[in-house]
Protein backbone atom coordinates (compact mmCIF):
# COMPACT_ATOMS: atom_id res chain seq x y z
CA MET A 1 -13.39 -3.88 -7.61
CA LYS A 2 -12.31 -2.51 -4.20
CA LEU A 3 -12.07 1.11 -3.11
CA GLY A 4 -9.35 2.38 -0.81
CA ILE A 5 -8.43 5.85 0.38
CA PHE A 6 -5.09 7.41 1.25
CA LEU A 7 -4.48 8.95 4.68
CA ARG A 8 -1.92 11.72 5.07
CA LEU A 9 0.75 10.87 7.64
CA MET A 10 2.55 14.09 6.80
CA GLY A 11 2.15 17.77 7.54
CA PRO A 12 -0.41 19.42 9.83
CA GLN A 13 -3.02 16.80 8.90
CA ALA A 14 -0.99 14.12 10.66
CA THR A 15 -2.54 14.52 14.08
CA ARG A 16 -4.30 12.06 16.33
CA ASP A 17 -7.67 13.81 16.06
CA THR A 18 -7.62 14.18 12.27
CA LEU A 19 -6.45 10.64 11.65
CA VAL A 20 -9.07 9.03 13.85
CA LEU A 21 -11.80 11.23 12.33
CA CYS A 22 -10.76 10.31 8.78
CA ALA A 23 -10.25 6.61 9.49
CA ARG A 24 -13.60 6.19 11.19
CA ALA A 25 -15.40 8.26 8.54
CA ALA A 26 -13.95 6.05 5.79
CA GLU A 27 -14.95 2.90 7.66
CA ALA A 28 -18.49 4.20 8.23
CA ALA A 29 -18.78 5.05 4.52
CA GLY A 30 -17.99 1.46 3.54
CA VAL A 31 -14.56 2.13 2.07
CA ASP A 32 -12.63 -1.13 1.83
CA ASP A 33 -9.22 -0.03 3.05
CA LEU A 34 -6.97 2.79 4.30
CA TRP A 35 -3.48 3.29 2.88
CA VAL A 36 -0.52 5.21 4.31
CA PRO A 37 2.85 6.35 2.88
CA ASP A 38 6.35 5.65 4.16
CA HIS A 39 8.99 8.34 4.66
CA ILE A 40 11.27 8.61 7.67
CA ALA A 41 13.97 11.24 6.94
CA ILE A 42 12.81 14.17 4.82
CA PRO A 43 15.59 16.74 4.15
CA PRO A 44 14.81 20.44 4.75
CA ASP A 45 14.96 21.31 1.04
CA ASP A 46 12.34 18.65 0.21
CA ALA A 47 9.84 19.40 2.98
CA GLU A 48 7.34 21.56 1.10
CA GLY A 49 3.82 20.46 1.91
CA SER A 50 4.83 18.46 4.97
CA GLY A 51 7.28 20.65 6.86
CA GLY A 52 9.22 17.43 7.41
CA ARG A 53 6.51 16.17 9.77
CA TYR A 54 5.95 12.46 9.06
CA LEU A 55 4.48 9.77 11.25
CA ASP A 56 5.99 6.29 11.00
CA ALA A 57 3.99 4.04 8.68
CA LEU A 58 4.07 0.85 10.77
CA ALA A 59 3.34 2.58 14.06
CA SER A 60 0.47 4.42 12.40
CA LEU A 61 -1.03 1.23 10.96
CA ALA A 62 -0.85 -0.40 14.40
CA TRP A 63 -2.62 2.59 15.93
CA LEU A 64 -5.24 2.72 13.17
CA ALA A 65 -5.97 -0.96 13.81
CA GLY A 66 -6.95 0.00 17.35
CA VAL A 67 -9.31 2.83 16.40
CA THR A 68 -11.14 0.92 13.63
CA GLY A 69 -12.82 -2.46 13.50
CA ARG A 70 -13.33 -3.62 9.91
CA ILE A 71 -11.47 -1.58 7.34
CA GLY A 72 -8.31 -2.89 5.68
CA LEU A 73 -4.97 -1.31 6.56
CA GLY A 74 -2.43 -0.86 3.76
CA SER A 75 1.07 0.51 3.23
CA ALA A 76 1.65 2.36 -0.03
CA ALA A 77 4.36 1.51 0.01
CA LEU A 78 6.60 0.30 2.82
CA VAL A 79 10.21 0.89 1.72
CA LEU A 80 11.83 -2.44 2.54
CA PRO A 81 15.51 -1.39 2.52
CA TYR A 82 14.84 1.21 5.24
CA ARG A 83 14.36 -1.38 7.99
CA PRO A 84 16.06 -4.57 9.21
CA ALA A 85 14.22 -7.67 8.08
CA LEU A 86 13.56 -9.34 11.44
CA PRO A 87 12.09 -6.34 13.31
CA THR A 88 10.03 -5.56 10.21
CA ALA A 89 8.63 -9.10 10.15
CA LYS A 90 7.74 -8.83 13.85
CA TRP A 91 6.01 -5.46 13.30
CA LEU A 92 3.97 -6.87 10.41
CA ALA A 93 2.98 -10.04 12.24
CA THR A 94 1.92 -8.01 15.26
CA ILE A 95 -0.23 -5.63 13.22
CA GLN A 96 -1.76 -8.57 11.35
CA GLU A 97 -2.46 -10.42 14.60
CA LEU A 98 -3.95 -7.50 16.53
CA SER A 99 -5.96 -6.14 13.60
CA GLY A 100 -7.63 -9.47 12.97
CA GLY A 101 -5.93 -10.05 9.61
CA ARG A 102 -6.61 -6.65 8.04
CA LEU A 103 -3.08 -5.78 6.88
CA LEU A 104 -2.37 -5.19 3.17
CA LEU A 105 1.35 -4.99 2.57
CA GLY A 106 2.33 -2.70 -0.27
CA VAL A 107 6.13 -2.70 -0.63
CA GLY A 108 8.73 -0.82 -2.61
CA VAL A 109 12.48 -0.43 -3.00
CA GLY A 110 12.60 3.33 -2.40
CA TRP A 111 14.07 6.19 -4.39
CA MET A 112 14.99 9.21 -2.22
CA HIS A 113 18.78 9.59 -2.05
CA ALA A 114 18.63 11.65 1.15
CA GLU A 115 16.75 8.99 3.10
CA PHE A 116 19.17 6.24 2.09
CA ARG A 117 22.05 8.51 3.06
CA ALA A 118 20.51 9.30 6.45
CA LEU A 119 20.01 5.60 7.10
CA GLY A 120 23.50 4.62 5.97
CA VAL A 121 22.01 2.19 3.44
CA ASP A 122 23.63 1.72 0.04
CA ARG A 123 20.96 2.87 -2.41
CA ALA A 124 22.57 0.81 -5.18
CA ARG A 125 21.70 -2.35 -3.23
CA ARG A 126 18.06 -1.45 -2.59
CA GLY A 127 16.63 -4.04 -4.99
CA ARG A 128 18.75 -6.83 -3.54
CA ILE A 129 17.87 -5.83 0.02
CA ALA A 130 14.17 -5.73 -0.85
CA ASP A 131 14.32 -9.22 -2.36
CA GLN A 132 16.13 -10.60 0.66
CA THR A 133 13.56 -9.06 3.00
CA LEU A 134 10.65 -10.42 0.96
CA ALA A 135 12.14 -13.91 0.97
CA PHE A 136 12.60 -13.67 4.74
CA LEU A 137 9.01 -12.48 5.26
CA HIS A 138 7.71 -15.46 3.31
CA ALA A 139 9.82 -17.79 5.45
CA CYS A 140 8.56 -16.20 8.67
CA PHE A 141 4.89 -16.55 7.77
CA ALA A 142 5.38 -20.11 6.51
CA SER A 143 6.78 -21.74 9.66
CA ASP A 144 6.80 -21.29 13.42
CA GLU A 145 10.56 -21.90 13.43
CA VAL A 146 12.82 -19.68 11.33
CA GLU A 147 16.55 -19.19 10.91
CA HIS A 148 18.19 -15.79 10.55
CA GLU A 149 21.89 -14.91 10.75
CA GLY A 150 22.62 -18.51 11.73
CA GLN A 151 20.19 -18.48 14.68
CA ARG A 152 17.03 -20.56 14.90
CA PHE A 153 14.10 -18.91 16.67
CA LEU A 154 10.34 -19.13 17.04
CA PHE A 155 8.32 -16.69 14.99
CA LEU A 156 5.16 -16.38 17.07
CA PRO A 157 2.46 -15.26 16.86
CA ARG A 158 2.25 -16.32 13.23
CA PRO A 159 -1.02 -15.09 11.74
CA ALA A 160 -1.88 -15.52 8.08
CA ARG A 161 0.63 -13.75 5.86
CA PRO A 162 -0.68 -10.39 4.68
CA ARG A 163 -1.17 -10.08 0.95
CA ILE A 164 1.86 -8.48 -0.67
CA TYR A 165 1.54 -5.81 -3.36
CA VAL A 166 4.80 -4.97 -5.08
CA GLY A 167 5.23 -1.38 -6.19
CA GLY A 168 7.17 0.01 -9.12
CA SER A 169 7.33 -0.53 -12.84
CA GLY A 170 9.73 -2.13 -15.27
CA ALA A 171 11.19 -5.60 -15.57
CA HIS A 172 12.59 -5.83 -12.04
CA ALA A 173 9.27 -4.87 -10.45
CA LEU A 174 7.31 -7.38 -12.53
CA ALA A 175 9.79 -10.13 -11.69
CA ARG A 176 9.44 -9.25 -8.00
CA VAL A 177 5.64 -9.49 -8.26
CA LEU A 178 5.88 -12.97 -9.76
CA ARG A 179 8.41 -14.19 -7.23
CA TYR A 180 7.09 -12.68 -4.01
CA GLY A 181 3.80 -10.85 -4.54
CA ASP A 182 0.08 -11.41 -4.65
CA GLY A 183 -0.42 -8.24 -6.63
CA TRP A 184 1.15 -5.28 -8.39
CA MET A 185 1.02 -1.63 -7.32
CA PRO A 186 2.20 0.12 -10.48
CA MET A 187 3.70 3.60 -10.70
CA LEU A 188 1.71 4.54 -13.80
CA GLY A 189 -0.42 7.59 -14.37
CA ASP A 190 -2.84 6.50 -17.05
CA ALA A 191 -4.98 3.43 -17.74
CA SER A 192 -3.44 3.07 -21.21
CA GLU A 193 -0.04 2.46 -19.60
CA LEU A 194 -1.34 -0.59 -17.73
CA ALA A 195 -2.27 -2.78 -20.69
CA ALA A 196 1.09 -3.99 -21.98
CA PRO A 197 2.88 -4.70 -18.66
CA LEU A 198 -0.23 -6.25 -17.16
CA ARG A 199 -0.67 -8.55 -20.15
CA GLU A 200 2.96 -9.67 -19.75
CA LEU A 201 2.49 -10.13 -16.01
CA ARG A 202 -0.62 -12.27 -16.45
CA GLU A 203 0.97 -14.38 -19.18
CA ARG A 204 4.03 -15.07 -17.04
CA ALA A 205 1.87 -15.85 -14.01
CA ALA A 206 -0.15 -18.36 -16.07
CA GLU A 207 3.07 -20.02 -17.26
CA LEU A 208 4.09 -20.43 -13.62
CA GLY A 209 0.68 -21.84 -12.69
CA ARG A 210 -0.11 -18.84 -10.52
CA PRO A 211 -3.37 -16.88 -10.38
CA ALA A 212 -3.51 -13.52 -12.13
CA PRO A 213 -2.04 -10.89 -9.78
CA GLU A 214 -4.25 -8.21 -8.28
CA VAL A 215 -3.58 -4.67 -9.49
CA VAL A 216 -3.75 -1.76 -7.04
CA VAL A 217 -3.81 1.72 -8.62
CA LEU A 218 -3.28 4.90 -6.59
CA GLY A 219 -4.43 8.28 -7.83
CA SER A 220 -7.11 10.91 -7.49
CA LEU A 221 -10.61 9.74 -8.37
CA LEU A 222 -12.04 13.25 -8.11
CA ALA A 223 -13.01 14.94 -11.36
CA GLU A 224 -14.89 17.98 -12.65
CA SER A 225 -17.98 15.84 -13.13
CA PRO A 226 -19.23 12.43 -12.01
CA ALA A 227 -19.19 11.32 -15.65
CA GLN A 228 -15.47 12.06 -15.94
CA ALA A 229 -14.77 10.14 -12.74
CA LEU A 230 -16.73 7.15 -13.98
CA ASP A 231 -14.89 7.26 -17.29
CA ARG A 232 -11.58 7.04 -15.42
CA VAL A 233 -12.84 4.20 -13.24
CA SER A 234 -14.15 2.33 -16.27
CA ALA A 235 -10.87 2.75 -18.12
CA LEU A 236 -8.84 1.47 -15.17
CA ARG A 237 -11.17 -1.49 -14.67
CA ALA A 238 -10.98 -2.35 -18.36
CA ALA A 239 -7.19 -2.14 -18.17
CA GLY A 240 -7.16 -4.70 -15.35
CA ALA A 241 -7.17 -2.76 -12.09
CA THR A 242 -8.78 -4.68 -9.23
CA ARG A 243 -8.42 -2.10 -6.45
CA LEU A 244 -8.44 1.70 -6.69
CA VAL A 245 -6.98 3.89 -3.95
CA HIS A 246 -8.06 7.52 -3.96
CA ALA A 247 -5.05 9.69 -3.11
CA SER A 248 -5.51 13.43 -2.88
CA ARG A 249 -4.44 16.23 -0.58
CA TYR A 250 -6.86 17.54 2.03
CA ALA A 251 -6.44 20.42 4.45
CA ASP A 252 -8.33 18.90 7.37
CA GLY A 253 -10.92 16.35 8.38
CA ALA A 254 -13.76 18.40 6.94
CA GLU A 255 -12.21 18.43 3.47
CA PHE A 256 -11.47 14.71 3.74
CA GLN A 257 -15.16 14.15 4.56
CA ARG A 258 -16.23 16.17 1.52
CA GLN A 259 -14.01 14.08 -0.73
CA LEU A 260 -15.33 10.91 0.90
CA ASP A 261 -18.94 12.01 0.37
CA TRP A 262 -18.22 12.70 -3.32
CA LEU A 263 -16.62 9.29 -3.78
CA SER A 264 -19.48 7.59 -1.95
CA ARG A 265 -22.07 9.23 -4.21
CA HIS A 266 -20.36 9.08 -7.57
CA VAL A 267 -17.64 6.40 -7.56
CA ALA A 268 -18.36 3.69 -4.99
CA PRO A 269 -21.69 2.56 -6.52
CA ALA A 270 -20.00 1.90 -9.87
CA LEU A 271 -17.26 -0.15 -8.23
CA ARG A 272 -19.74 -2.30 -6.34
CA GLY A 273 -22.16 -2.83 -9.23
CA PRO A 274 -22.48 -6.13 -11.11
CA ALA A 275 -20.03 -5.02 -13.79
CA ALA A 276 -17.31 -4.19 -11.30
CA ASP A 277 -16.33 -7.74 -10.37
């Protein structure tokens, strides 16, 4: 089982110095991957906690690739309808190429009405747009020569396609995982909620001759005691999670380091033990 950690791209924590401190601390601690959120147009009445200050997810991942050397780089989750398909594919290929294949592509369809309105994108079409973008991404990473809008072009460099983790829950999300994804990033709060949809997902994958999808779960792994944290980890592992991403607020780099130290002492050893794989 892998351990990731969420980096804040929002609010006063989203500075060059704090990000590089946190990213390098996580890499030094042996964390498997860093994950970042995706928002680009926060309205004033929804800016509590961030002040509306958000760094771009793709630009941030590209920058993080340059200040780290080993750790995975994930989006949790890139909102596909927010961006045109071709520039998005070029961004992703570039990050994958320059990072040495470290990109983990978590994707979603989005939900915030204000952002869709600011972008001039029909929110009712977000699922269709996401599917079209995913199909295009697969085509780009499968061949040096691609066609888009009736024009043939070379898609180079063409590194290995990043693994795709589809976010969301419900029938549409599961279908999207099976059609386009390597894994599922569910929006579920408790391990007990994973069992039924994951069983269905694995059964359908087997029917299609596909391997069982990975399952990436985001949430706080901190607890009042190490025993409580290990109980949560054990429950998620038993439910089928293959990668846990610790996501919690922190005021600054020092608080991030304290959380990282706690995870390293009390959570990481359990994930890397014989029973974790």
